Amino acid sequence: MTPQNQGIAGVIMAQTVLGTLGLCVLQAAASPLSIAFYRCLIAAVALGTYAALRGDLAGLLRLPRRVLLLAILSGFLMVGNWVLFFEAIRRSGISVATIVFHVQPFLMVLVSALLFRERLRSITFLWFGLALMGLAFATGIFDLSGVADGESRIDWIGIGAAVAAALLYALVTIIAKRLPRSGGLQLTLIQCLCGAMVLTPWLSLTPGEVTGEQWKWFAIIGLVHTGGVYILLYNALQKLPIAVAAVLLFLYPVSAIIVDAAWFRQPISLMQIAGFLCVLLASLGITLKWGLRKIC
């Protein structure tokens, strides 16, 4: 198997597994703060052990001060992203929260334009418009059922939490681009350590109150969805062109929607499918810079 095929197989496996994260979050039946804390704690142990076996752990002590500070900042942002995303899943459901979260590429472009004065092209605004239309379809804004009796099917707090999570993740991505590419494993380990420390004061479940069933789900989220998935992705993405990686990364929301429909019998409307396809197309357009090369 060629290195590129190995990379493709690794990303497919990682994104498919990641699609079951929402299921585990709901099955854990704990607060978003508790789930995020145990995710960080367990993943930090797993990633720390993996880094020690590879001989990469000592590299943490030799990181330049600027790199270490940026990594710690990204850790605070990442844990906020996880807490908000888990809250969005709890309130809005797996499918809607996952689709809304994938506005992250657009937020990253907007934040980069504000912070670094990067120029926005007209084609970029067209992709933004398509993504917003997709979100409107996916979240059910145009679903008029329930309007007659004055009830709304939309949990706006959940939608807001997903958008806020996407914004924090966009900031994490911007920071990661300014760090050494070879330090992906170290960055994730620092993020998990920061998350475990910052969430300890607000932890709503003490270790003695965690049930055996919850420990099972926490272990899966920490070991599989964080430690295992991140190791797979960091090893696989290095072997792939950007265009191939950008397409494969959207297997995560596809997997999450399928899991939501299969496990929870959550119906997916044609409008939601159309909305997701609009977000997918617009995100790929932004990521791969479709139309920009012809304009420049």
C-alpha atoms as a PDB file:
ATOM      1  CA  MET A   1       0.000   0.000   0.000  1.00  0.00           C
ATOM      2  CA  THR A   2       1.399   3.387  -1.004  1.00  0.00           C
ATOM      3  CA  PRO A   3       1.853   6.138   1.632  1.00  0.00           C
ATOM      4  CA  GLN A   4      -1.062   8.104   0.122  1.00  0.00           C
ATOM      5  CA  ASN A   5      -3.368   5.088   0.304  1.00  0.00           C
ATOM      6  CA  GLN A   6      -2.265   4.545   3.893  1.00  0.00           C
ATOM      7  CA  GLY A   7      -3.133   8.157   4.612  1.00  0.00           C
ATOM      8  CA  ILE A   8      -6.549   7.812   2.977  1.00  0.00           C
ATOM      9  CA  ALA A   9      -7.296   4.657   4.975  1.00  0.00           C
ATOM     10  CA  GLY A  10      -6.196   6.345   8.206  1.00  0.00           C
ATOM     11  CA  VAL A  11      -8.363   9.435   7.686  1.00  0.00           C
ATOM     12  CA  ILE A  12     -11.392   7.349   6.699  1.00  0.00           C
ATOM     13  CA  MET A  13     -11.022   5.241   9.843  1.00  0.00           C
ATOM     14  CA  ALA A  14     -10.488   8.264  12.107  1.00  0.00           C
ATOM     15  CA  GLN A  15     -13.397  10.289  10.706  1.00  0.00           C
ATOM     16  CA  THR A  16     -15.774   7.325  10.790  1.00  0.00           C
ATOM     17  CA  VAL A  17     -14.932   6.664  14.441  1.00  0.00           C
ATOM     18  CA  LEU A  18     -15.205  10.371  15.255  1.00  0.00           C
ATOM     19  CA  GLY A  19     -18.761  10.299  13.912  1.00  0.00           C
ATOM     20  CA  THR A  20     -19.764   8.192  16.938  1.00  0.00           C
ATOM     21  CA  LEU A  21     -18.573  10.866  19.412  1.00  0.00           C
ATOM     22  CA  GLY A  22     -22.021  12.425  19.780  1.00  0.00           C
ATOM     23  CA  LEU A  23     -23.519   9.024  20.585  1.00  0.00           C
ATOM     24  CA  CYS A  24     -20.991   8.484  23.394  1.00  0.00           C
ATOM     25  CA  VAL A  25     -21.549  12.005  24.734  1.00  0.00           C
ATOM     26  CA  LEU A  26     -25.288  11.402  25.053  1.00  0.00           C
ATOM     27  CA  GLN A  27     -24.857   7.898  26.472  1.00  0.00           C
ATOM     28  CA  ALA A  28     -22.490   9.204  29.162  1.00  0.00           C
ATOM     29  CA  ALA A  29     -25.419  11.177  30.636  1.00  0.00           C
ATOM     30  CA  ALA A  30     -23.137  13.716  32.307  1.00  0.00           C
ATOM     31  CA  SER A  31     -22.675  17.467  32.103  1.00  0.00           C
ATOM     32  CA  PRO A  32     -20.595  18.874  29.229  1.00  0.00           C
ATOM     33  CA  LEU A  33     -18.013  20.090  31.767  1.00  0.00           C
ATOM     34  CA  SER A  34     -17.624  16.616  33.243  1.00  0.00           C
ATOM     35  CA  ILE A  35     -17.355  14.926  29.850  1.00  0.00           C
ATOM     36  CA  ALA A  36     -14.764  17.453  28.677  1.00  0.00           C
ATOM     37  CA  PHE A  37     -12.751  17.034  31.903  1.00  0.00           C
ATOM     38  CA  TYR A  38     -12.539  13.261  31.672  1.00  0.00           C
ATOM     39  CA  ARG A  39     -11.881  13.453  27.946  1.00  0.00           C
ATOM     40  CA  CYS A  40      -8.886  15.700  28.614  1.00  0.00           C
ATOM     41  CA  LEU A  41      -7.642  13.678  31.583  1.00  0.00           C
ATOM     42  CA  ILE A  42      -7.840  10.251  29.941  1.00  0.00           C
ATOM     43  CA  ALA A  43      -6.546  11.485  26.588  1.00  0.00           C
ATOM     44  CA  ALA A  44      -3.612  13.224  28.284  1.00  0.00           C
ATOM     45  CA  VAL A  45      -2.589   9.937  29.914  1.00  0.00           C
ATOM     46  CA  ALA A  46      -2.950   8.064  26.618  1.00  0.00           C
ATOM     47  CA  LEU A  47      -1.113  10.647  24.517  1.00  0.00           C
ATOM     48  CA  GLY A  48       1.559  11.102  27.181  1.00  0.00           C
ATOM     49  CA  THR A  49       2.220   7.364  27.216  1.00  0.00           C
ATOM     50  CA  TYR A  50       2.360   7.269  23.401  1.00  0.00           C
ATOM     51  CA  ALA A  51       4.731  10.247  23.304  1.00  0.00           C
ATOM     52  CA  ALA A  52       6.965   8.662  25.950  1.00  0.00           C
ATOM     53  CA  LEU A  53       7.197   5.427  23.977  1.00  0.00           C
ATOM     54  CA  ARG A  54       8.170   7.416  20.878  1.00  0.00           C
ATOM     55  CA  GLY A  55      10.698   9.461  22.809  1.00  0.00           C
ATOM     56  CA  ASP A  56       8.832  12.713  22.093  1.00  0.00           C
ATOM     57  CA  LEU A  57       7.935  13.589  25.675  1.00  0.00           C
ATOM     58  CA  ALA A  58      11.266  15.251  26.416  1.00  0.00           C
ATOM     59  CA  GLY A  59      10.599  17.624  23.524  1.00  0.00           C
ATOM     60  CA  LEU A  60       7.942  19.388  25.616  1.00  0.00           C
ATOM     61  CA  LEU A  61      10.654  20.721  27.917  1.00  0.00           C
ATOM     62  CA  ARG A  62      12.609  22.137  24.981  1.00  0.00           C
ATOM     63  CA  LEU A  63       9.753  24.029  23.348  1.00  0.00           C
ATOM     64  CA  PRO A  64      10.483  27.739  22.790  1.00  0.00           C
ATOM     65  CA  ARG A  65       8.582  30.012  25.163  1.00  0.00           C
ATOM     66  CA  ARG A  66       6.472  31.526  22.374  1.00  0.00           C
ATOM     67  CA  VAL A  67       5.456  28.101  21.070  1.00  0.00           C
ATOM     68  CA  LEU A  68       4.603  26.881  24.578  1.00  0.00           C
ATOM     69  CA  LEU A  69       2.466  29.951  25.329  1.00  0.00           C
ATOM     70  CA  LEU A  70       0.583  29.615  22.041  1.00  0.00           C
ATOM     71  CA  ALA A  71       0.030  25.917  22.710  1.00  0.00           C
ATOM     72  CA  ILE A  72      -1.352  26.670  26.180  1.00  0.00           C
ATOM     73  CA  LEU A  73      -3.646  29.355  24.737  1.00  0.00           C
ATOM     74  CA  SER A  74      -4.911  26.884  22.165  1.00  0.00           C
ATOM     75  CA  GLY A  75      -5.544  24.444  25.030  1.00  0.00           C
ATOM     76  CA  PHE A  76      -7.896  26.864  26.764  1.00  0.00           C
ATOM     77  CA  LEU A  77      -9.682  27.519  23.475  1.00  0.00           C
ATOM     78  CA  MET A  78      -9.933  23.807  22.657  1.00  0.00           C
ATOM     79  CA  VAL A  79     -11.507  22.873  25.979  1.00  0.00           C
ATOM     80  CA  GLY A  80     -14.038  25.685  25.528  1.00  0.00           C
ATOM     81  CA  ASN A  81     -14.790  24.308  22.076  1.00  0.00           C
ATOM     82  CA  TRP A  82     -15.408  20.821  23.481  1.00  0.00           C
ATOM     83  CA  VAL A  83     -17.678  22.026  26.299  1.00  0.00           C
ATOM     84  CA  LEU A  84     -19.765  24.164  23.940  1.00  0.00           C
ATOM     85  CA  PHE A  85     -19.997  21.438  21.309  1.00  0.00           C
ATOM     86  CA  PHE A  86     -21.147  18.866  23.880  1.00  0.00           C
ATOM     87  CA  GLU A  87     -23.778  21.351  25.079  1.00  0.00           C
ATOM     88  CA  ALA A  88     -24.907  21.851  21.477  1.00  0.00           C
ATOM     89  CA  ILE A  89     -25.252  18.089  21.022  1.00  0.00           C
ATOM     90  CA  ARG A  90     -27.261  17.838  24.248  1.00  0.00           C
ATOM     91  CA  ARG A  91     -29.651  20.599  23.221  1.00  0.00           C
ATOM     92  CA  SER A  92     -29.918  20.403  19.429  1.00  0.00           C
ATOM     93  CA  GLY A  93     -29.060  16.785  18.686  1.00  0.00           C
ATOM     94  CA  ILE A  94     -26.073  15.222  16.970  1.00  0.00           C
ATOM     95  CA  SER A  95     -26.961  16.024  13.348  1.00  0.00           C
ATOM     96  CA  VAL A  96     -27.837  19.701  13.752  1.00  0.00           C
ATOM     97  CA  ALA A  97     -24.946  20.432  16.131  1.00  0.00           C
ATOM     98  CA  THR A  98     -22.446  18.734  13.807  1.00  0.00           C
ATOM     99  CA  ILE A  99     -23.672  20.519  10.685  1.00  0.00           C
ATOM    100  CA  VAL A 100     -23.665  23.937  12.374  1.00  0.00           C
ATOM    101  CA  PHE A 101     -20.187  23.295  13.808  1.00  0.00           C
ATOM    102  CA  HIS A 102     -18.833  22.891  10.294  1.00  0.00           C
ATOM    103  CA  VAL A 103     -19.130  26.615   9.602  1.00  0.00           C
ATOM    104  CA  GLN A 104     -15.638  26.646  11.128  1.00  0.00           C
ATOM    105  CA  PRO A 105     -13.808  27.239   7.786  1.00  0.00           C
ATOM    106  CA  PHE A 106     -15.830  30.423   7.194  1.00  0.00           C
ATOM    107  CA  LEU A 107     -15.215  31.731  10.683  1.00  0.00           C
ATOM    108  CA  MET A 108     -11.502  31.044  10.257  1.00  0.00           C
ATOM    109  CA  VAL A 109     -11.457  33.121   7.066  1.00  0.00           C
ATOM    110  CA  LEU A 110     -13.330  35.981   8.746  1.00  0.00           C
ATOM    111  CA  VAL A 111     -11.118  35.946  11.843  1.00  0.00           C
ATOM    112  CA  SER A 112      -7.977  35.839   9.699  1.00  0.00           C
ATOM    113  CA  ALA A 113      -9.281  38.812   7.722  1.00  0.00           C
ATOM    114  CA  LEU A 114      -9.859  40.779  10.934  1.00  0.00           C
ATOM    115  CA  LEU A 115      -6.612  39.842  12.683  1.00  0.00           C
ATOM    116  CA  PHE A 116      -4.207  39.761   9.745  1.00  0.00           C
ATOM    117  CA  ARG A 117      -6.083  42.020   7.308  1.00  0.00           C
ATOM    118  CA  GLU A 118      -6.296  39.299   4.709  1.00  0.00           C
ATOM    119  CA  ARG A 119      -8.282  40.363   1.683  1.00  0.00           C
ATOM    120  CA  LEU A 120     -11.742  38.871   1.144  1.00  0.00           C
ATOM    121  CA  ARG A 121     -12.673  38.210  -2.491  1.00  0.00           C
ATOM    122  CA  SER A 122     -16.171  38.434  -3.902  1.00  0.00           C
ATOM    123  CA  ILE A 123     -16.261  34.666  -4.494  1.00  0.00           C
ATOM    124  CA  THR A 124     -15.671  34.203  -0.747  1.00  0.00           C
ATOM    125  CA  PHE A 125     -18.907  36.023   0.039  1.00  0.00           C
ATOM    126  CA  LEU A 126     -20.730  33.767  -2.424  1.00  0.00           C
ATOM    127  CA  TRP A 127     -19.485  30.725  -0.500  1.00  0.00           C
ATOM    128  CA  PHE A 128     -20.559  32.413   2.742  1.00  0.00           C
ATOM    129  CA  GLY A 129     -24.037  32.952   1.342  1.00  0.00           C
ATOM    130  CA  LEU A 130     -24.335  29.329   0.269  1.00  0.00           C
ATOM    131  CA  ALA A 131     -23.201  28.138   3.718  1.00  0.00           C
ATOM    132  CA  LEU A 132     -25.722  30.388   5.488  1.00  0.00           C
ATOM    133  CA  MET A 133     -28.487  29.080   3.271  1.00  0.00           C
ATOM    134  CA  GLY A 134     -27.371  25.529   4.099  1.00  0.00           C
ATOM    135  CA  LEU A 135     -27.470  26.303   7.824  1.00  0.00           C
ATOM    136  CA  ALA A 136     -30.962  27.719   7.486  1.00  0.00           C
ATOM    137  CA  PHE A 137     -32.120  24.491   5.834  1.00  0.00           C
ATOM    138  CA  ALA A 138     -30.248  22.202   8.233  1.00  0.00           C
ATOM    139  CA  THR A 139     -31.432  23.880  11.444  1.00  0.00           C
ATOM    140  CA  GLY A 140     -35.064  24.008  10.374  1.00  0.00           C
ATOM    141  CA  ILE A 141     -35.552  27.777  10.218  1.00  0.00           C
ATOM    142  CA  PHE A 142     -37.735  27.304   7.147  1.00  0.00           C
ATOM    143  CA  ASP A 143     -39.721  24.478   8.762  1.00  0.00           C
ATOM    144  CA  LEU A 144     -43.084  26.051   9.469  1.00  0.00           C
ATOM    145  CA  SER A 145     -44.507  23.071  11.339  1.00  0.00           C
ATOM    146  CA  GLY A 146     -45.291  24.062  14.895  1.00  0.00           C
ATOM    147  CA  VAL A 147     -45.579  27.759  14.035  1.00  0.00           C
ATOM    148  CA  ALA A 148     -49.355  27.631  14.106  1.00  0.00           C
ATOM    149  CA  ASP A 149     -49.487  26.620  17.768  1.00  0.00           C
ATOM    150  CA  GLY A 150     -46.770  29.101  18.697  1.00  0.00           C
ATOM    151  CA  GLU A 151     -44.059  26.540  19.376  1.00  0.00           C
ATOM    152  CA  SER A 152     -40.586  26.475  17.850  1.00  0.00           C
ATOM    153  CA  ARG A 153     -38.632  23.308  17.167  1.00  0.00           C
ATOM    154  CA  ILE A 154     -35.331  25.182  17.133  1.00  0.00           C
ATOM    155  CA  ASP A 155     -33.157  25.320  20.247  1.00  0.00           C
ATOM    156  CA  TRP A 156     -31.385  28.608  19.683  1.00  0.00           C
ATOM    157  CA  ILE A 157     -29.112  28.114  22.691  1.00  0.00           C
ATOM    158  CA  GLY A 158     -27.904  24.852  21.150  1.00  0.00           C
ATOM    159  CA  ILE A 159     -27.360  26.534  17.780  1.00  0.00           C
ATOM    160  CA  GLY A 160     -25.482  29.378  19.461  1.00  0.00           C
ATOM    161  CA  ALA A 161     -23.311  26.914  21.391  1.00  0.00           C
ATOM    162  CA  ALA A 162     -22.380  25.115  18.148  1.00  0.00           C
ATOM    163  CA  VAL A 163     -21.455  28.408  16.435  1.00  0.00           C
ATOM    164  CA  ALA A 164     -19.405  29.492  19.458  1.00  0.00           C
ATOM    165  CA  ALA A 165     -17.646  26.105  19.469  1.00  0.00           C
ATOM    166  CA  ALA A 166     -16.844  26.535  15.781  1.00  0.00           C
ATOM    167  CA  LEU A 167     -15.422  30.001  16.448  1.00  0.00           C
ATOM    168  CA  LEU A 168     -13.124  28.699  19.188  1.00  0.00           C
ATOM    169  CA  TYR A 169     -11.995  25.843  16.953  1.00  0.00           C
ATOM    170  CA  ALA A 170     -11.271  28.341  14.164  1.00  0.00           C
ATOM    171  CA  LEU A 171      -8.997  30.224  16.576  1.00  0.00           C
ATOM    172  CA  VAL A 172      -7.291  26.951  17.549  1.00  0.00           C
ATOM    173  CA  THR A 173      -6.680  26.209  13.858  1.00  0.00           C
ATOM    174  CA  ILE A 174      -5.214  29.670  13.268  1.00  0.00           C
ATOM    175  CA  ILE A 175      -2.843  29.210  16.220  1.00  0.00           C
ATOM    176  CA  ALA A 176      -1.882  25.701  15.074  1.00  0.00           C
ATOM    177  CA  LYS A 177      -0.856  27.067  11.675  1.00  0.00           C
ATOM    178  CA  ARG A 178       1.701  29.259  13.415  1.00  0.00           C
ATOM    179  CA  LEU A 179       3.262  26.392  15.328  1.00  0.00           C
ATOM    180  CA  PRO A 180       5.841  23.846  14.070  1.00  0.00           C
ATOM    181  CA  ARG A 181       4.086  21.191  11.974  1.00  0.00           C
ATOM    182  CA  SER A 182       6.110  18.420  13.565  1.00  0.00           C
ATOM    183  CA  GLY A 183       4.659  19.185  17.004  1.00  0.00           C
ATOM    184  CA  GLY A 184       1.079  18.025  16.409  1.00  0.00           C
ATOM    185  CA  LEU A 185       1.208  15.316  19.052  1.00  0.00           C
ATOM    186  CA  GLN A 186       2.816  17.639  21.581  1.00  0.00           C
ATOM    187  CA  LEU A 187       0.210  20.332  20.856  1.00  0.00           C
ATOM    188  CA  THR A 188      -2.685  17.962  21.502  1.00  0.00           C
ATOM    189  CA  LEU A 189      -1.061  16.691  24.694  1.00  0.00           C
ATOM    190  CA  ILE A 190      -0.641  20.268  25.963  1.00  0.00           C
ATOM    191  CA  GLN A 191      -4.243  21.045  25.053  1.00  0.00           C
ATOM    192  CA  CYS A 192      -5.514  18.030  27.024  1.00  0.00           C
ATOM    193  CA  LEU A 193      -3.344  18.877  30.040  1.00  0.00           C
ATOM    194  CA  CYS A 194      -4.625  22.469  29.997  1.00  0.00           C
ATOM    195  CA  GLY A 195      -8.195  21.243  29.713  1.00  0.00           C
ATOM    196  CA  ALA A 196      -7.850  18.898  32.682  1.00  0.00           C
ATOM    197  CA  MET A 197      -6.369  21.666  34.837  1.00  0.00           C
ATOM    198  CA  VAL A 198      -8.804  24.420  33.904  1.00  0.00           C
ATOM    199  CA  LEU A 199     -11.897  22.220  34.320  1.00  0.00           C
ATOM    200  CA  THR A 200     -10.985  20.766  37.710  1.00  0.00           C
ATOM    201  CA  PRO A 201     -12.509  23.652  39.768  1.00  0.00           C
ATOM    202  CA  TRP A 202     -15.817  23.403  37.908  1.00  0.00           C
ATOM    203  CA  LEU A 203     -16.072  19.633  37.836  1.00  0.00           C
ATOM    204  CA  SER A 204     -19.637  18.668  38.726  1.00  0.00           C
ATOM    205  CA  LEU A 205     -18.941  14.951  39.235  1.00  0.00           C
ATOM    206  CA  THR A 206     -16.281  13.797  41.679  1.00  0.00           C
ATOM    207  CA  PRO A 207     -14.519  10.482  40.858  1.00  0.00           C
ATOM    208  CA  GLY A 208     -16.520   8.760  43.593  1.00  0.00           C
ATOM    209  CA  GLU A 209     -19.814   9.737  41.973  1.00  0.00           C
ATOM    210  CA  VAL A 210     -18.984   8.481  38.497  1.00  0.00           C
ATOM    211  CA  THR A 211     -20.820   5.249  37.741  1.00  0.00           C
ATOM    212  CA  GLY A 212     -19.224   2.262  36.049  1.00  0.00           C
ATOM    213  CA  GLU A 213     -21.347   2.910  32.950  1.00  0.00           C
ATOM    214  CA  GLN A 214     -20.139   6.518  32.775  1.00  0.00           C
ATOM    215  CA  TRP A 215     -16.514   5.457  33.191  1.00  0.00           C
ATOM    216  CA  LYS A 216     -16.973   3.221  30.151  1.00  0.00           C
ATOM    217  CA  TRP A 217     -18.173   6.099  27.977  1.00  0.00           C
ATOM    218  CA  PHE A 218     -15.554   8.508  29.352  1.00  0.00           C
ATOM    219  CA  ALA A 219     -12.841   5.957  28.550  1.00  0.00           C
ATOM    220  CA  ILE A 220     -14.102   5.529  24.990  1.00  0.00           C
ATOM    221  CA  ILE A 221     -14.246   9.307  24.450  1.00  0.00           C
ATOM    222  CA  GLY A 222     -10.767   9.853  25.911  1.00  0.00           C
ATOM    223  CA  LEU A 223      -8.930   6.827  24.545  1.00  0.00           C
ATOM    224  CA  VAL A 224     -10.667   6.280  21.201  1.00  0.00           C
ATOM    225  CA  HIS A 225     -12.190   9.603  20.092  1.00  0.00           C
ATOM    226  CA  THR A 226      -9.281  11.713  21.301  1.00  0.00           C
ATOM    227  CA  GLY A 227      -6.079   9.721  21.786  1.00  0.00           C
ATOM    228  CA  GLY A 228      -6.620   7.144  19.034  1.00  0.00           C
ATOM    229  CA  VAL A 229      -8.255   9.467  16.506  1.00  0.00           C
ATOM    230  CA  TYR A 230      -5.686  12.238  16.903  1.00  0.00           C
ATOM    231  CA  ILE A 231      -2.768   9.818  16.528  1.00  0.00           C
ATOM    232  CA  LEU A 232      -4.382   8.367  13.398  1.00  0.00           C
ATOM    233  CA  LEU A 233      -5.047  11.781  11.902  1.00  0.00           C
ATOM    234  CA  TYR A 234      -1.607  13.247  12.573  1.00  0.00           C
ATOM    235  CA  ASN A 235       0.062  10.229  10.983  1.00  0.00           C
ATOM    236  CA  ALA A 236      -2.351  10.080   8.036  1.00  0.00           C
ATOM    237  CA  LEU A 237      -2.752  13.748   7.068  1.00  0.00           C
ATOM    238  CA  GLN A 238       0.983  14.157   6.534  1.00  0.00           C
ATOM    239  CA  LYS A 239       0.748  11.685   3.641  1.00  0.00           C
ATOM    240  CA  LEU A 240      -2.103  13.426   1.788  1.00  0.00           C
ATOM    241  CA  PRO A 241      -2.466  16.436  -0.496  1.00  0.00           C
ATOM    242  CA  ILE A 242      -4.590  19.242   0.961  1.00  0.00           C
ATOM    243  CA  ALA A 243      -7.408  18.689  -1.555  1.00  0.00           C
ATOM    244  CA  VAL A 244      -7.766  14.991  -0.720  1.00  0.00           C
ATOM    245  CA  ALA A 245      -7.618  15.645   3.028  1.00  0.00           C
ATOM    246  CA  ALA A 246     -10.256  18.398   2.819  1.00  0.00           C
ATOM    247  CA  VAL A 247     -12.733  16.053   1.152  1.00  0.00           C
ATOM    248  CA  LEU A 248     -12.068  13.113   3.481  1.00  0.00           C
ATOM    249  CA  LEU A 249     -12.446  15.230   6.622  1.00  0.00           C
ATOM    250  CA  PHE A 250     -16.128  15.660   5.785  1.00  0.00           C
ATOM    251  CA  LEU A 251     -16.671  11.972   6.448  1.00  0.00           C
ATOM    252  CA  TYR A 252     -17.011  13.003  10.109  1.00  0.00           C
ATOM    253  CA  PRO A 253     -20.333  14.864   9.761  1.00  0.00           C
ATOM    254  CA  VAL A 254     -21.613  12.224   7.332  1.00  0.00           C
ATOM    255  CA  SER A 255     -20.777   9.495   9.848  1.00  0.00           C
ATOM    256  CA  ALA A 256     -22.332  11.487  12.709  1.00  0.00           C
ATOM    257  CA  ILE A 257     -25.597  11.995  10.815  1.00  0.00           C
ATOM    258  CA  ILE A 258     -25.805   8.300   9.920  1.00  0.00           C
ATOM    259  CA  VAL A 259     -25.167   7.300  13.555  1.00  0.00           C
ATOM    260  CA  ASP A 260     -27.824   9.758  14.738  1.00  0.00           C
ATOM    261  CA  ALA A 261     -30.366   8.332  12.305  1.00  0.00           C
ATOM    262  CA  ALA A 262     -29.520   4.675  12.979  1.00  0.00           C
ATOM    263  CA  TRP A 263     -29.069   4.677  16.772  1.00  0.00           C
ATOM    264  CA  PHE A 264     -31.617   7.262  17.881  1.00  0.00           C
ATOM    265  CA  ARG A 265     -34.039   6.750  14.977  1.00  0.00           C
ATOM    266  CA  GLN A 266     -33.659  10.458  14.333  1.00  0.00           C
ATOM    267  CA  PRO A 267     -35.352  11.229  11.001  1.00  0.00           C
ATOM    268  CA  ILE A 268     -33.399  13.281   8.480  1.00  0.00           C
ATOM    269  CA  SER A 269     -35.510  15.505   6.273  1.00  0.00           C
ATOM    270  CA  LEU A 270     -34.716  16.298   2.668  1.00  0.00           C
ATOM    271  CA  MET A 271     -34.291  19.920   3.732  1.00  0.00           C
ATOM    272  CA  GLN A 272     -31.600  18.930   6.244  1.00  0.00           C
ATOM    273  CA  ILE A 273     -29.805  16.857   3.616  1.00  0.00           C
ATOM    274  CA  ALA A 274     -29.926  19.796   1.205  1.00  0.00           C
ATOM    275  CA  GLY A 275     -28.606  22.077   3.947  1.00  0.00           C
ATOM    276  CA  PHE A 276     -25.717  19.775   4.735  1.00  0.00           C
ATOM    277  CA  LEU A 277     -24.780  19.492   1.054  1.00  0.00           C
ATOM    278  CA  CYS A 278     -24.765  23.296   0.784  1.00  0.00           C
ATOM    279  CA  VAL A 279     -22.471  23.602   3.827  1.00  0.00           C
ATOM    280  CA  LEU A 280     -20.245  20.816   2.460  1.00  0.00           C
ATOM    281  CA  LEU A 281     -19.936  22.430  -0.965  1.00  0.00           C
ATOM    282  CA  ALA A 282     -19.295  25.891   0.464  1.00  0.00           C
ATOM    283  CA  SER A 283     -16.713  24.590   2.958  1.00  0.00           C
ATOM    284  CA  LEU A 284     -14.829  22.771   0.233  1.00  0.00           C
ATOM    285  CA  GLY A 285     -14.973  25.911  -1.899  1.00  0.00           C
ATOM    286  CA  ILE A 286     -13.432  27.959   0.923  1.00  0.00           C
ATOM    287  CA  THR A 287     -10.855  25.343   1.903  1.00  0.00           C
ATOM    288  CA  LEU A 288      -9.719  24.553  -1.638  1.00  0.00           C
ATOM    289  CA  LYS A 289     -10.079  28.183  -2.784  1.00  0.00           C
ATOM    290  CA  TRP A 290     -12.328  27.361  -5.710  1.00  0.00           C
ATOM    291  CA  GLY A 291     -12.684  30.384  -8.003  1.00  0.00           C
ATOM    292  CA  LEU A 292      -9.886  32.387  -6.371  1.00  0.00           C
ATOM    293  CA  ARG A 293      -7.149  31.267  -8.741  1.00  0.00           C
ATOM    294  CA  LYS A 294      -9.077  32.470 -11.760  1.00  0.00           C
ATOM    295  CA  ILE A 295      -9.757  35.844 -10.113  1.00  0.00           C
ATOM    296  CA  CYS A 296      -6.193  36.478  -8.871  1.00  0.00           C
END
